[in-house]
PDB file of N, CA and C in Angstrom:
ATOM      1  N   MET A   1      37.557 -61.561  12.571  1.00  0.00           N
ATOM      2  CA  MET A   1      37.201 -62.241  11.347  1.00  0.00           C
ATOM      3  C   MET A   1      35.887 -61.700  10.794  1.00  0.00           C
ATOM      4  N   ILE A   2      34.977 -61.345  11.698  1.00  0.00           N
ATOM      5  CA  ILE A   2      33.699 -60.792  11.232  1.00  0.00           C
ATOM      6  C   ILE A   2      33.909 -59.461  10.535  1.00  0.00           C
ATOM      7  N   LEU A   3      34.822 -58.658  11.058  1.00  0.00           N
ATOM      8  CA  LEU A   3      35.090 -57.373  10.416  1.00  0.00           C
ATOM      9  C   LEU A   3      35.631 -57.567   9.007  1.00  0.00           C
ATOM     10  N   VAL A   4      36.521 -58.525   8.824  1.00  0.00           N
ATOM     11  CA  VAL A   4      37.040 -58.823   7.486  1.00  0.00           C
ATOM     12  C   VAL A   4      35.914 -59.320   6.596  1.00  0.00           C
ATOM     13  N   TYR A   5      35.099 -60.210   7.102  1.00  0.00           N
ATOM     14  CA  TYR A   5      34.016 -60.814   6.322  1.00  0.00           C
ATOM     15  C   TYR A   5      32.976 -59.773   5.917  1.00  0.00           C
ATOM     16  N   MET A   6      32.703 -58.799   6.771  1.00  0.00           N
ATOM     17  CA  MET A   6      31.655 -57.822   6.488  1.00  0.00           C
ATOM     18  C   MET A   6      32.139 -56.586   5.741  1.00  0.00           C
ATOM     19  N   PHE A   7      33.383 -56.161   5.963  1.00  0.00           N
ATOM     20  CA  PHE A   7      33.812 -54.871   5.423  1.00  0.00           C
ATOM     21  C   PHE A   7      34.765 -54.954   4.235  1.00  0.00           C
ATOM     22  N   VAL A   8      35.448 -56.072   4.028  1.00  0.00           N
ATOM     23  CA  VAL A   8      36.378 -56.177   2.908  1.00  0.00           C
ATOM     24  C   VAL A   8      35.603 -56.557   1.651  1.00  0.00           C
ATOM     25  N   PRO A   9      35.838 -55.845   0.540  1.00  0.00           N
ATOM     26  CA  PRO A   9      35.155 -56.230  -0.706  1.00  0.00           C
ATOM     27  C   PRO A   9      35.547 -57.652  -1.100  1.00  0.00           C
ATOM     28  N   ARG A  10      34.560 -58.442  -1.472  1.00  0.00           N
ATOM     29  CA  ARG A  10      34.817 -59.845  -1.765  1.00  0.00           C
ATOM     30  C   ARG A  10      33.815 -60.350  -2.799  1.00  0.00           C
ATOM     31  N   GLY A  11      34.225 -61.380  -3.511  1.00  0.00           N
ATOM     32  CA  GLY A  11      33.349 -62.042  -4.455  1.00  0.00           C
ATOM     33  C   GLY A  11      32.851 -63.352  -3.871  1.00  0.00           C
ATOM     34  N   ASN A  12      32.153 -64.134  -4.670  1.00  0.00           N
ATOM     35  CA  ASN A  12      31.599 -65.403  -4.201  1.00  0.00           C
ATOM     36  C   ASN A  12      32.673 -66.382  -3.751  1.00  0.00           C
ATOM     37  N   THR A  13      33.795 -66.428  -4.468  1.00  0.00           N
ATOM     38  CA  THR A  13      34.874 -67.334  -4.093  1.00  0.00           C
ATOM     39  C   THR A  13      35.467 -66.946  -2.742  1.00  0.00           C
ATOM     40  N   MET A  14      35.667 -65.661  -2.538  1.00  0.00           N
ATOM     41  CA  MET A  14      36.236 -65.205  -1.275  1.00  0.00           C
ATOM     42  C   MET A  14      35.276 -65.450  -0.111  1.00  0.00           C
ATOM     43  N   VAL A  15      33.971 -65.309  -0.342  1.00  0.00           N
ATOM     44  CA  VAL A  15      32.988 -65.603   0.702  1.00  0.00           C
ATOM     45  C   VAL A  15      33.083 -67.068   1.107  1.00  0.00           C
ATOM     46  N   SER A  16      33.241 -67.946   0.131  1.00  0.00           N
ATOM     47  CA  SER A  16      33.372 -69.373   0.431  1.00  0.00           C
ATOM     48  C   SER A  16      34.645 -69.671   1.205  1.00  0.00           C
ATOM     49  N   ILE A  17      35.725 -69.019   0.825  1.00  0.00           N
ATOM     50  CA  ILE A  17      37.000 -69.253   1.496  1.00  0.00           C
ATOM     51  C   ILE A  17      36.976 -68.692   2.915  1.00  0.00           C
ATOM     52  N   LEU A  18      36.423 -67.488   3.094  1.00  0.00           N
ATOM     53  CA  LEU A  18      36.386 -66.858   4.414  1.00  0.00           C
ATOM     54  C   LEU A  18      35.335 -67.470   5.339  1.00  0.00           C
ATOM     55  N   GLY A  19      34.381 -68.208   4.794  1.00  0.00           N
ATOM     56  CA  GLY A  19      33.326 -68.803   5.613  1.00  0.00           C
ATOM     57  C   GLY A  19      33.858 -69.794   6.633  1.00  0.00           C
ATOM     58  N   PHE A  20      34.854 -70.595   6.258  1.00  0.00           N
ATOM     59  CA  PHE A  20      35.395 -71.579   7.197  1.00  0.00           C
ATOM     60  C   PHE A  20      36.072 -70.932   8.403  1.00  0.00           C
ATOM     61  N   PRO A  21      37.032 -70.008   8.206  1.00  0.00           N
ATOM     62  CA  PRO A  21      37.633 -69.405   9.404  1.00  0.00           C
ATOM     63  C   PRO A  21      36.642 -68.576  10.215  1.00  0.00           C
ATOM     64  N   LEU A  22      35.656 -67.955   9.563  1.00  0.00           N
ATOM     65  CA  LEU A  22      34.655 -67.197  10.299  1.00  0.00           C
ATOM     66  C   LEU A  22      33.868 -68.116  11.223  1.00  0.00           C
ATOM     67  N   GLY A  23      33.395 -69.228  10.703  1.00  0.00           N
ATOM     68  CA  GLY A  23      32.663 -70.186  11.534  1.00  0.00           C
ATOM     69  C   GLY A  23      33.535 -70.788  12.619  1.00  0.00           C
ATOM     70  N   PHE A  24      34.775 -71.092  12.288  1.00  0.00           N
ATOM     71  CA  PHE A  24      35.689 -71.675  13.262  1.00  0.00           C
ATOM     72  C   PHE A  24      35.911 -70.737  14.440  1.00  0.00           C
ATOM     73  N   PHE A  25      36.244 -69.490  14.146  1.00  0.00           N
ATOM     74  CA  PHE A  25      36.537 -68.549  15.223  1.00  0.00           C
ATOM     75  C   PHE A  25      35.282 -68.116  15.977  1.00  0.00           C
ATOM     76  N   ALA A  26      34.156 -68.026  15.287  1.00  0.00           N
ATOM     77  CA  ALA A  26      32.929 -67.607  15.966  1.00  0.00           C
ATOM     78  C   ALA A  26      32.414 -68.696  16.903  1.00  0.00           C
ATOM     79  N   LEU A  27      32.587 -69.958  16.542  1.00  0.00           N
ATOM     80  CA  LEU A  27      32.050 -71.048  17.356  1.00  0.00           C
ATOM     81  C   LEU A  27      33.039 -71.609  18.363  1.00  0.00           C
ATOM     82  N   MET A  28      34.318 -71.288  18.253  1.00  0.00           N
ATOM     83  CA  MET A  28      35.298 -71.863  19.175  1.00  0.00           C
ATOM     84  C   MET A  28      35.204 -71.276  20.575  1.00  0.00           C
ATOM     85  N   MET A  29      34.477 -70.179  20.740  1.00  0.00           N
ATOM     86  CA  MET A  29      34.372 -69.583  22.070  1.00  0.00           C
ATOM     87  C   MET A  29      33.417 -70.359  22.970  1.00  0.00           C
ATOM     88  N   PHE A  30      32.562 -71.211  22.418  1.00  0.00           N
ATOM     89  CA  PHE A  30      31.575 -71.903  23.238  1.00  0.00           C
ATOM     90  C   PHE A  30      32.144 -73.109  23.980  1.00  0.00           C
ATOM     91  N   SER A  31      33.163 -73.743  23.455  1.00  0.00           N
ATOM     92  CA  SER A  31      33.685 -74.937  24.117  1.00  0.00           C
ATOM     93  C   SER A  31      34.318 -74.664  25.476  1.00  0.00           C
ATOM     94  N   PRO A  32      35.021 -73.570  25.698  1.00  0.00           N
ATOM     95  CA  PRO A  32      35.565 -73.355  27.044  1.00  0.00           C
ATOM     96  C   PRO A  32      34.564 -72.748  28.025  1.00  0.00           C
ATOM     97  N   MET A  33      33.382 -72.359  27.566  1.00  0.00           N
ATOM     98  CA  MET A  33      32.439 -71.698  28.468  1.00  0.00           C
ATOM     99  C   MET A  33      31.964 -72.612  29.585  1.00  0.00           C
ATOM    100  N   GLY A  34      31.635 -73.845  29.286  1.00  0.00           N
ATOM    101  CA  GLY A  34      31.143 -74.766  30.312  1.00  0.00           C
ATOM    102  C   GLY A  34      32.137 -74.998  31.433  1.00  0.00           C
ATOM    103  N   PRO A  35      33.351 -75.418  31.121  1.00  0.00           N
ATOM    104  CA  PRO A  35      34.326 -75.617  32.189  1.00  0.00           C
ATOM    105  C   PRO A  35      34.671 -74.333  32.935  1.00  0.00           C
ATOM    106  N   PHE A  36      34.732 -73.218  32.232  1.00  0.00           N
ATOM    107  CA  PHE A  36      35.084 -71.965  32.897  1.00  0.00           C
ATOM    108  C   PHE A  36      33.961 -71.519  33.836  1.00  0.00           C
ATOM    109  N   LEU A  37      32.709 -71.592  33.371  1.00  0.00           N
ATOM    110  CA  LEU A  37      31.590 -71.179  34.221  1.00  0.00           C
ATOM    111  C   LEU A  37      31.436 -72.084  35.434  1.00  0.00           C
ATOM    112  N   SER A  38      31.730 -73.363  35.280  1.00  0.00           N
ATOM    113  CA  SER A  38      31.552 -74.273  36.412  1.00  0.00           C
ATOM    114  C   SER A  38      32.520 -73.982  37.547  1.00  0.00           C
ATOM    115  N   GLU A  39      33.629 -73.325  37.260  1.00  0.00           N
ATOM    116  CA  GLU A  39      34.598 -72.994  38.305  1.00  0.00           C
ATOM    117  C   GLU A  39      34.257 -71.702  39.039  1.00  0.00           C
ATOM    118  N   LEU A  40      33.238 -70.991  38.615  1.00  0.00           N
ATOM    119  CA  LEU A  40      32.916 -69.703  39.220  1.00  0.00           C
ATOM    120  C   LEU A  40      31.913 -69.794  40.367  1.00  0.00           C
ATOM    121  N   TYR A  41      31.200 -70.909  40.478  1.00  0.00           N
ATOM    122  CA  TYR A  41      30.095 -70.994  41.428  1.00  0.00           C
ATOM    123  C   TYR A  41      30.308 -72.117  42.436  1.00  0.00           C
ATOM    124  N   PRO A  42      29.734 -71.978  43.631  1.00  0.00           N
ATOM    125  CA  PRO A  42      29.797 -73.057  44.624  1.00  0.00           C
ATOM    126  C   PRO A  42      29.089 -74.310  44.091  1.00  0.00           C
ATOM    127  N   THR A  43      29.503 -75.449  44.577  1.00  0.00           N
ATOM    128  CA  THR A  43      28.994 -76.725  44.075  1.00  0.00           C
ATOM    129  C   THR A  43      27.479 -76.841  44.192  1.00  0.00           C
ATOM    130  N   VAL A  44      26.895 -76.363  45.285  1.00  0.00           N
ATOM    131  CA  VAL A  44      25.461 -76.563  45.514  1.00  0.00           C
ATOM    132  C   VAL A  44      24.598 -75.776  44.533  1.00  0.00           C
ATOM    133  N   VAL A  45      25.107 -74.713  43.932  1.00  0.00           N
ATOM    134  CA  VAL A  45      24.307 -73.927  42.984  1.00  0.00           C
ATOM    135  C   VAL A  45      24.952 -73.867  41.597  1.00  0.00           C
ATOM    136  N   ARG A  46      25.933 -74.690  41.363  1.00  0.00           N
ATOM    137  CA  ARG A  46      26.701 -74.618  40.116  1.00  0.00           C
ATOM    138  C   ARG A  46      25.828 -74.794  38.878  1.00  0.00           C
ATOM    139  N   ALA A  47      25.012 -75.821  38.840  1.00  0.00           N
ATOM    140  CA  ALA A  47      24.189 -76.083  37.657  1.00  0.00           C
ATOM    141  C   ALA A  47      23.159 -74.986  37.447  1.00  0.00           C
ATOM    142  N   THR A  48      22.565 -74.505  38.515  1.00  0.00           N
ATOM    143  CA  THR A  48      21.574 -73.442  38.414  1.00  0.00           C
ATOM    144  C   THR A  48      22.196 -72.160  37.871  1.00  0.00           C
ATOM    145  N   CYS A  49      23.322 -71.775  38.432  1.00  0.00           N
ATOM    146  CA  CYS A  49      23.988 -70.538  37.992  1.00  0.00           C
ATOM    147  C   CYS A  49      24.494 -70.648  36.566  1.00  0.00           C
ATOM    148  N   GLN A  50      25.044 -71.789  36.207  1.00  0.00           N
ATOM    149  CA  GLN A  50      25.546 -71.971  34.854  1.00  0.00           C
ATOM    150  C   GLN A  50      24.393 -71.947  33.857  1.00  0.00           C
ATOM    151  N   GLY A  51      23.292 -72.601  34.186  1.00  0.00           N
ATOM    152  CA  GLY A  51      22.117 -72.575  33.320  1.00  0.00           C
ATOM    153  C   GLY A  51      21.549 -71.172  33.172  1.00  0.00           C
ATOM    154  N   PHE A  52      21.547 -70.403  34.268  1.00  0.00           N
ATOM    155  CA  PHE A  52      21.069 -69.025  34.195  1.00  0.00           C
ATOM    156  C   PHE A  52      21.953 -68.195  33.280  1.00  0.00           C
ATOM    157  N   CYS A  53      23.264 -68.367  33.384  1.00  0.00           N
ATOM    158  CA  CYS A  53      24.179 -67.593  32.534  1.00  0.00           C
ATOM    159  C   CYS A  53      23.977 -67.918  31.058  1.00  0.00           C
ATOM    160  N   TYR A  54      23.854 -69.200  30.732  1.00  0.00           N
ATOM    161  CA  TYR A  54      23.601 -69.589  29.344  1.00  0.00           C
ATOM    162  C   TYR A  54      22.286 -68.991  28.852  1.00  0.00           C
ATOM    163  N   SER A  55      21.230 -69.118  29.655  1.00  0.00           N
ATOM    164  CA  SER A  55      19.912 -68.639  29.235  1.00  0.00           C
ATOM    165  C   SER A  55      19.863 -67.123  29.137  1.00  0.00           C
ATOM    166  N   ALA A  56      20.493 -66.425  30.067  1.00  0.00           N
ATOM    167  CA  ALA A  56      20.533 -64.964  30.006  1.00  0.00           C
ATOM    168  C   ALA A  56      21.294 -64.504  28.763  1.00  0.00           C
ATOM    169  N   GLY A  57      22.360 -65.194  28.434  1.00  0.00           N
ATOM    170  CA  GLY A  57      23.106 -64.855  27.223  1.00  0.00           C
ATOM    171  C   GLY A  57      22.280 -65.068  25.969  1.00  0.00           C
ATOM    172  N   ARG A  58      21.521 -66.143  25.923  1.00  0.00           N
ATOM    173  CA  ARG A  58      20.645 -66.386  24.770  1.00  0.00           C
ATOM    174  C   ARG A  58      19.539 -65.340  24.702  1.00  0.00           C
ATOM    175  N   ALA A  59      19.006 -64.930  25.853  1.00  0.00           N
ATOM    176  CA  ALA A  59      17.941 -63.917  25.868  1.00  0.00           C
ATOM    177  C   ALA A  59      18.448 -62.579  25.348  1.00  0.00           C
ATOM    178  N   VAL A  60      19.641 -62.193  25.775  1.00  0.00           N
ATOM    179  CA  VAL A  60      20.219 -60.940  25.285  1.00  0.00           C
ATOM    180  C   VAL A  60      20.525 -61.069  23.789  1.00  0.00           C
ATOM    181  N   GLY A  61      21.024 -62.230  23.378  1.00  0.00           N
ATOM    182  CA  GLY A  61      21.335 -62.447  21.969  1.00  0.00           C
ATOM    183  C   GLY A  61      20.106 -62.503  21.080  1.00  0.00           C
ATOM    184  N   ALA A  62      18.945 -62.758  21.659  1.00  0.00           N
ATOM    185  CA  ALA A  62      17.722 -62.840  20.868  1.00  0.00           C
ATOM    186  C   ALA A  62      17.302 -61.489  20.318  1.00  0.00           C
ATOM    187  N   VAL A  63      17.738 -60.418  20.931  1.00  0.00           N
ATOM    188  CA  VAL A  63      17.395 -59.083  20.424  1.00  0.00           C
ATOM    189  C   VAL A  63      18.350 -58.636  19.315  1.00  0.00           C
ATOM    190  N   SER A  64      19.403 -59.385  19.073  1.00  0.00           N
ATOM    191  CA  SER A  64      20.388 -59.004  18.055  1.00  0.00           C
ATOM    192  C   SER A  64      19.783 -58.819  16.670  1.00  0.00           C
ATOM    193  N   PRO A  65      18.967 -59.748  16.165  1.00  0.00           N
ATOM    194  CA  PRO A  65      18.401 -59.530  14.823  1.00  0.00           C
ATOM    195  C   PRO A  65      17.581 -58.247  14.721  1.00  0.00           C
ATOM    196  N   ALA A  66      16.817 -57.922  15.767  1.00  0.00           N
ATOM    197  CA  ALA A  66      16.030 -56.693  15.732  1.00  0.00           C
ATOM    198  C   ALA A  66      16.934 -55.464  15.725  1.00  0.00           C
ATOM    199  N   LEU A  67      17.981 -55.479  16.543  1.00  0.00           N
ATOM    200  CA  LEU A  67      18.894 -54.340  16.581  1.00  0.00           C
ATOM    201  C   LEU A  67      19.639 -54.160  15.265  1.00  0.00           C
ATOM    202  N   VAL A  68      20.017 -55.267  14.646  1.00  0.00           N
ATOM    203  CA  VAL A  68      20.666 -55.180  13.331  1.00  0.00           C
ATOM    204  C   VAL A  68      19.685 -54.617  12.313  1.00  0.00           C
ATOM    205  N   GLY A  69      18.431 -55.058  12.398  1.00  0.00           N
ATOM    206  CA  GLY A  69      17.416 -54.532  11.479  1.00  0.00           C
ATOM    207  C   GLY A  69      17.205 -53.040  11.636  1.00  0.00           C
ATOM    208  N   PHE A  70      17.125 -52.564  12.883  1.00  0.00           N
ATOM    209  CA  PHE A  70      16.966 -51.125  13.112  1.00  0.00           C
ATOM    210  C   PHE A  70      18.171 -50.346  12.598  1.00  0.00           C
ATOM    211  N   LEU A  71      19.357 -50.880  12.826  1.00  0.00           N
ATOM    212  CA  LEU A  71      20.568 -50.200  12.374  1.00  0.00           C
ATOM    213  C   LEU A  71      20.679 -50.218  10.852  1.00  0.00           C
ATOM    214  N   SER A  72      20.164 -51.270  10.209  1.00  0.00           N
ATOM    215  CA  SER A  72      20.271 -51.373   8.750  1.00  0.00           C
ATOM    216  C   SER A  72      19.348 -50.396   8.025  1.00  0.00           C
ATOM    217  N   GLU A  73      18.444 -49.752   8.749  1.00  0.00           N
ATOM    218  CA  GLU A  73      17.640 -48.696   8.124  1.00  0.00           C
ATOM    219  C   GLU A  73      18.491 -47.472   7.822  1.00  0.00           C
ATOM    220  N   ARG A  74      19.595 -47.327   8.535  1.00  0.00           N
ATOM    221  CA  ARG A  74      20.441 -46.146   8.391  1.00  0.00           C
ATOM    222  C   ARG A  74      21.728 -46.409   7.607  1.00  0.00           C
ATOM    223  N   MET A  75      22.046 -47.673   7.362  1.00  0.00           N
ATOM    224  CA  MET A  75      23.280 -48.019   6.662  1.00  0.00           C
ATOM    225  C   MET A  75      23.102 -49.360   5.966  1.00  0.00           C
ATOM    226  N   PRO A  76      24.032 -49.757   5.103  1.00  0.00           N
ATOM    227  CA  PRO A  76      23.926 -51.067   4.448  1.00  0.00           C
ATOM    228  C   PRO A  76      23.920 -52.216   5.470  1.00  0.00           C
ATOM    229  N   LEU A  77      23.267 -53.301   5.116  1.00  0.00           N
ATOM    230  CA  LEU A  77      23.103 -54.438   6.021  1.00  0.00           C
ATOM    231  C   LEU A  77      24.442 -55.016   6.469  1.00  0.00           C
ATOM    232  N   GLY A  78      25.401 -55.150   5.560  1.00  0.00           N
ATOM    233  CA  GLY A  78      26.714 -55.693   5.927  1.00  0.00           C
ATOM    234  C   GLY A  78      27.411 -54.853   6.979  1.00  0.00           C
ATOM    235  N   TYR A  79      27.316 -53.546   6.863  1.00  0.00           N
ATOM    236  CA  TYR A  79      27.908 -52.666   7.868  1.00  0.00           C
ATOM    237  C   TYR A  79      27.189 -52.788   9.200  1.00  0.00           C
ATOM    238  N   ALA A  80      25.859 -52.885   9.154  1.00  0.00           N
ATOM    239  CA  ALA A  80      25.088 -53.012  10.393  1.00  0.00           C
ATOM    240  C   ALA A  80      25.456 -54.301  11.125  1.00  0.00           C
ATOM    241  N   ILE A  81      25.571 -55.393  10.404  1.00  0.00           N
ATOM    242  CA  ILE A  81      25.954 -56.668  11.021  1.00  0.00           C
ATOM    243  C   ILE A  81      27.367 -56.568  11.584  1.00  0.00           C
ATOM    244  N   GLY A  82      28.286 -56.009  10.816  1.00  0.00           N
ATOM    245  CA  GLY A  82      29.677 -55.894  11.262  1.00  0.00           C
ATOM    246  C   GLY A  82      29.825 -55.026  12.499  1.00  0.00           C
ATOM    247  N   ILE A  83      29.154 -53.896  12.525  1.00  0.00           N
ATOM    248  CA  ILE A  83      29.253 -53.002  13.679  1.00  0.00           C
ATOM    249  C   ILE A  83      28.642 -53.644  14.909  1.00  0.00           C
ATOM    250  N   TYR A  84      27.470 -54.234  14.755  1.00  0.00           N
ATOM    251  CA  TYR A  84      26.821 -54.841  15.910  1.00  0.00           C
ATOM    252  C   TYR A  84      27.604 -56.057  16.410  1.00  0.00           C
ATOM    253  N   ALA A  85      28.128 -56.881  15.498  1.00  0.00           N
ATOM    254  CA  ALA A  85      28.909 -58.046  15.909  1.00  0.00           C
ATOM    255  C   ALA A  85      30.185 -57.619  16.630  1.00  0.00           C
ATOM    256  N   PHE A  86      30.848 -56.588  16.130  1.00  0.00           N
ATOM    257  CA  PHE A  86      32.047 -56.078  16.802  1.00  0.00           C
ATOM    258  C   PHE A  86      31.703 -55.602  18.209  1.00  0.00           C
ATOM    259  N   GLY A  87      30.599 -54.881  18.349  1.00  0.00           N
ATOM    260  CA  GLY A  87      30.176 -54.418  19.671  1.00  0.00           C
ATOM    261  C   GLY A  87      29.854 -55.565  20.614  1.00  0.00           C
ATOM    262  N   ALA A  88      29.194 -56.596  20.099  1.00  0.00           N
ATOM    263  CA  ALA A  88      28.855 -57.748  20.932  1.00  0.00           C
ATOM    264  C   ALA A  88      30.108 -58.486  21.384  1.00  0.00           C
ATOM    265  N   TYR A  89      31.062 -58.679  20.485  1.00  0.00           N
ATOM    266  CA  TYR A  89      32.301 -59.354  20.868  1.00  0.00           C
ATOM    267  C   TYR A  89      33.131 -58.500  21.823  1.00  0.00           C
ATOM    268  N   ALA A  90      33.127 -57.181  21.625  1.00  0.00           N
ATOM    269  CA  ALA A  90      33.852 -56.303  22.546  1.00  0.00           C
ATOM    270  C   ALA A  90      33.240 -56.371  23.945  1.00  0.00           C
ATOM    271  N   LEU A  91      31.917 -56.424  24.022  1.00  0.00           N
ATOM    272  CA  LEU A  91      31.240 -56.556  25.310  1.00  0.00           C
ATOM    273  C   LEU A  91      31.576 -57.895  25.962  1.00  0.00           C
ATOM    274  N   MET A  92      31.645 -58.959  25.161  1.00  0.00           N
ATOM    275  CA  MET A  92      31.987 -60.277  25.681  1.00  0.00           C
ATOM    276  C   MET A  92      33.420 -60.296  26.229  1.00  0.00           C
ATOM    277  N   VAL A  93      34.344 -59.699  25.516  1.00  0.00           N
ATOM    278  CA  VAL A  93      35.735 -59.668  25.973  1.00  0.00           C
ATOM    279  C   VAL A  93      35.857 -58.825  27.243  1.00  0.00           C
ATOM    280  N   ALA A  94      35.138 -57.710  27.305  1.00  0.00           N
ATOM    281  CA  ALA A  94      35.174 -56.879  28.512  1.00  0.00           C
ATOM    282  C   ALA A  94      34.640 -57.653  29.714  1.00  0.00           C
ATOM    283  N   GLY A  95      33.554 -58.386  29.526  1.00  0.00           N
ATOM    284  CA  GLY A  95      33.016 -59.209  30.606  1.00  0.00           C
ATOM    285  C   GLY A  95      33.977 -60.308  31.013  1.00  0.00           C
ATOM    286  N   LEU A  96      34.626 -60.926  30.045  1.00  0.00           N
ATOM    287  CA  LEU A  96      35.588 -61.984  30.336  1.00  0.00           C
ATOM    288  C   LEU A  96      36.768 -61.455  31.137  1.00  0.00           C
ATOM    289  N   LEU A  97      37.225 -60.254  30.821  1.00  0.00           N
ATOM    290  CA  LEU A  97      38.350 -59.681  31.547  1.00  0.00           C
ATOM    291  C   LEU A  97      37.996 -59.332  32.992  1.00  0.00           C
ATOM    292  N   MET A  98      36.711 -59.148  33.285  1.00  0.00           N
ATOM    293  CA  MET A  98      36.292 -58.811  34.644  1.00  0.00           C
ATOM    294  C   MET A  98      36.039 -60.043  35.517  1.00  0.00           C
ATOM    295  N   LEU A  99      36.021 -61.236  34.916  1.00  0.00           N
ATOM    296  CA  LEU A  99      35.795 -62.445  35.703  1.00  0.00           C
ATOM    297  C   LEU A  99      37.021 -62.781  36.542  1.00  0.00           C
ATOM    298  N   PRO A 100      36.817 -63.396  37.701  1.00  0.00           N
ATOM    299  CA  PRO A 100      37.968 -63.725  38.555  1.00  0.00           C
ATOM    300  C   PRO A 100      38.755 -64.911  37.989  1.00  0.00           C
ATOM    301  N   ALA A 101      40.047 -64.919  38.243  1.00  0.00           N
ATOM    302  CA  ALA A 101      40.896 -66.041  37.841  1.00  0.00           C
ATOM    303  C   ALA A 101      40.650 -67.215  38.775  1.00  0.00           C
ATOM    304  N   THR A 102      40.538 -68.400  38.218  1.00  0.00           N
ATOM    305  CA  THR A 102      40.276 -69.594  39.032  1.00  0.00           C
ATOM    306  C   THR A 102      41.401 -70.610  38.940  1.00  0.00           C
ATOM    307  N   ARG A 103      42.495 -70.250  38.334  1.00  0.00           N
ATOM    308  CA  ARG A 103      43.610 -71.192  38.180  1.00  0.00           C
ATOM    309  C   ARG A 103      44.160 -71.580  39.547  1.00  0.00           C
ATOM    310  N   GLY A 104      44.312 -72.865  39.767  1.00  0.00           N
ATOM    311  CA  GLY A 104      44.892 -73.377  41.000  1.00  0.00           C
ATOM    312  C   GLY A 104      43.918 -73.506  42.154  1.00  0.00           C
ATOM    313  N   ARG A 105      42.674 -73.103  41.971  1.00  0.00           N
ATOM    314  CA  ARG A 105      41.684 -73.225  43.041  1.00  0.00           C
ATOM    315  C   ARG A 105      40.999 -74.567  42.958  1.00  0.00           C
ATOM    316  N   SER A 106      40.743 -75.169  44.094  1.00  0.00           N
ATOM    317  CA  SER A 106      39.999 -76.419  44.140  1.00  0.00           C
ATOM    318  C   SER A 106      38.520 -76.108  43.969  1.00  0.00           C
ATOM    319  N   LEU A 107      37.820 -76.926  43.191  1.00  0.00           N
ATOM    320  CA  LEU A 107      36.385 -76.715  43.012  1.00  0.00           C
ATOM    321  C   LEU A 107      35.637 -76.853  44.328  1.00  0.00           C
ATOM    322  N   LEU A 108      36.159 -77.629  45.237  1.00  0.00           N
ATOM    323  CA  LEU A 108      35.494 -77.805  46.548  1.00  0.00           C
ATOM    324  C   LEU A 108      35.600 -76.554  47.410  1.00  0.00           C
ATOM    325  N   SER A 109      36.626 -75.738  47.157  1.00  0.00           N
ATOM    326  CA  SER A 109      36.820 -74.545  47.985  1.00  0.00           C
ATOM    327  C   SER A 109      36.008 -73.349  47.510  1.00  0.00           C
ATOM    328  N   ILE A 110      35.421 -73.431  46.354  1.00  0.00           N
ATOM    329  CA  ILE A 110      34.660 -72.304  45.810  1.00  0.00           C
ATOM    330  C   ILE A 110      33.378 -72.130  46.652  1.00  0.00           C
ATOM    331  N   GLY A 111      33.169 -70.942  47.104  1.00  0.00           N
ATOM    332  CA  GLY A 111      31.978 -70.643  47.892  1.00  0.00           C
ATOM    333  C   GLY A 111      32.183 -70.797  49.400  1.00  0.00           C
ATOM    334  N   THR A 112      33.347 -71.248  49.817  1.00  0.00           N
ATOM    335  CA  THR A 112      33.630 -71.346  51.256  1.00  0.00           C
ATOM    336  C   THR A 112      34.553 -70.219  51.645  1.00  0.00           C
ATOM    337  N   THR A 113      34.479 -69.821  52.861  1.00  0.00           N
ATOM    338  CA  THR A 113      35.377 -68.762  53.350  1.00  0.00           C
ATOM    339  C   THR A 113      36.728 -69.348  53.698  1.00  0.00           C
ATOM    340  N   PRO A 114      37.816 -68.631  53.385  1.00  0.00           N
ATOM    341  CA  PRO A 114      39.164 -69.186  53.678  1.00  0.00           C
ATOM    342  C   PRO A 114      39.491 -69.186  55.144  1.00  0.00           C
TER     343      PRO A 114
END
């Protein structure tokens, strides 16, 4: 959706129309993060590890405006935002694909040896 929003020629009406699905799809990834992250760590360190993951993600995301600014010196701002956002989402999907599957596992068994 970000690629459509940033690269397709659009007027003010189209920006208003595309704003809703862009916000919907960009923000819908946060709701499953809490339950998914809680299944990855042993109970005794679950809150600590989950908090670290959230904070580390925010720290990495804090450099995004600067990187977009540096990239926008070489190209239009819309292209810089679109390219960087695509790269960030691609990195997120790659990380998600590398996480272990937790379906069918008991939360009590996480962190114990079988």
